[in-house]
Amino acid sequence: MRLRFSREEDLPAIVRIYNQAIRQGKKSQPVTAFREPLTVADRREWFERHGPSSYPIWVA
């Protein structure tokens, strides 16, 4: 397995994986801080605050 820092083109897949976790959670027992699916636009600012030198997002 190869690990690397995330890139802009990874954001749609990151959001897809996160939304899958949201859908699998139950209303009485959520698995994320969000209860409704997110869009790429919803997560863009969050993604831009992360980088190799500050809070990196790793992808495999």
Protein backbone atom coordinates (compact mmCIF):
# COMPACT_ATOMS: atom_id res chain seq x y z
CA MET A 1 0.00 0.00 0.00
CA ARG A 2 1.24 3.48 -0.86
CA LEU A 3 0.44 6.47 1.30
CA ARG A 4 0.61 10.04 0.06
CA PHE A 5 -0.70 13.49 0.89
CA SER A 6 -4.14 14.16 -0.53
CA ARG A 7 -4.60 16.23 -3.65
CA GLU A 8 -7.51 18.30 -4.92
CA GLU A 9 -8.68 15.46 -7.16
CA ASP A 10 -9.03 13.20 -4.09
CA LEU A 11 -11.72 15.37 -2.49
CA PRO A 12 -14.74 13.78 -4.25
CA ALA A 13 -13.66 10.30 -3.08
CA ILE A 14 -13.01 11.58 0.46
CA VAL A 15 -16.53 13.05 0.55
CA ARG A 16 -18.02 9.81 -0.86
CA ILE A 17 -16.33 7.74 1.87
CA TYR A 18 -17.43 10.18 4.58
CA ASN A 19 -21.01 10.15 3.31
CA GLN A 20 -21.01 6.37 3.40
CA ALA A 21 -20.15 6.56 7.11
CA ILE A 22 -22.95 9.10 7.65
CA ARG A 23 -25.47 6.78 5.95
CA GLN A 24 -24.34 3.78 7.99
CA GLY A 25 -24.80 5.60 11.29
CA LYS A 26 -28.12 5.60 13.07
CA LYS A 27 -29.95 8.73 14.17
CA SER A 28 -29.63 7.57 17.77
CA GLN A 29 -25.99 6.57 17.31
CA PRO A 30 -24.28 8.72 14.67
CA VAL A 31 -20.75 7.77 13.61
CA THR A 32 -19.71 11.28 12.52
CA ALA A 33 -20.38 14.83 13.66
CA PHE A 34 -22.66 15.27 10.63
CA ARG A 35 -26.04 13.59 10.22
CA GLU A 36 -26.77 14.60 6.63
CA PRO A 37 -24.60 13.84 3.58
CA LEU A 38 -22.14 16.53 2.52
CA THR A 39 -21.17 17.86 -0.88
CA VAL A 40 -17.71 18.52 -2.23
CA ALA A 41 -18.51 22.23 -1.97
CA ASP A 42 -19.38 21.73 1.73
CA ARG A 43 -15.93 20.25 2.40
CA ARG A 44 -13.76 22.43 0.14
CA GLU A 45 -12.84 25.01 2.81
CA TRP A 46 -12.06 22.22 5.29
CA PHE A 47 -9.87 20.52 2.68
CA GLU A 48 -8.01 23.74 1.88
CA ARG A 49 -7.07 24.21 5.55
CA HIS A 50 -5.12 20.92 5.45
CA GLY A 51 -1.83 20.26 3.76
CA PRO A 52 1.55 18.59 4.14
CA SER A 53 2.68 21.19 6.69
CA SER A 54 -0.59 21.62 8.60
CA TYR A 55 -2.99 18.83 9.50
CA PRO A 56 -2.23 16.62 6.50
CA ILE A 57 -4.85 14.35 4.99
CA TRP A 58 -3.34 11.06 3.95
CA VAL A 59 -4.74 8.80 1.24
CA ALA A 60 -3.85 5.22 0.46
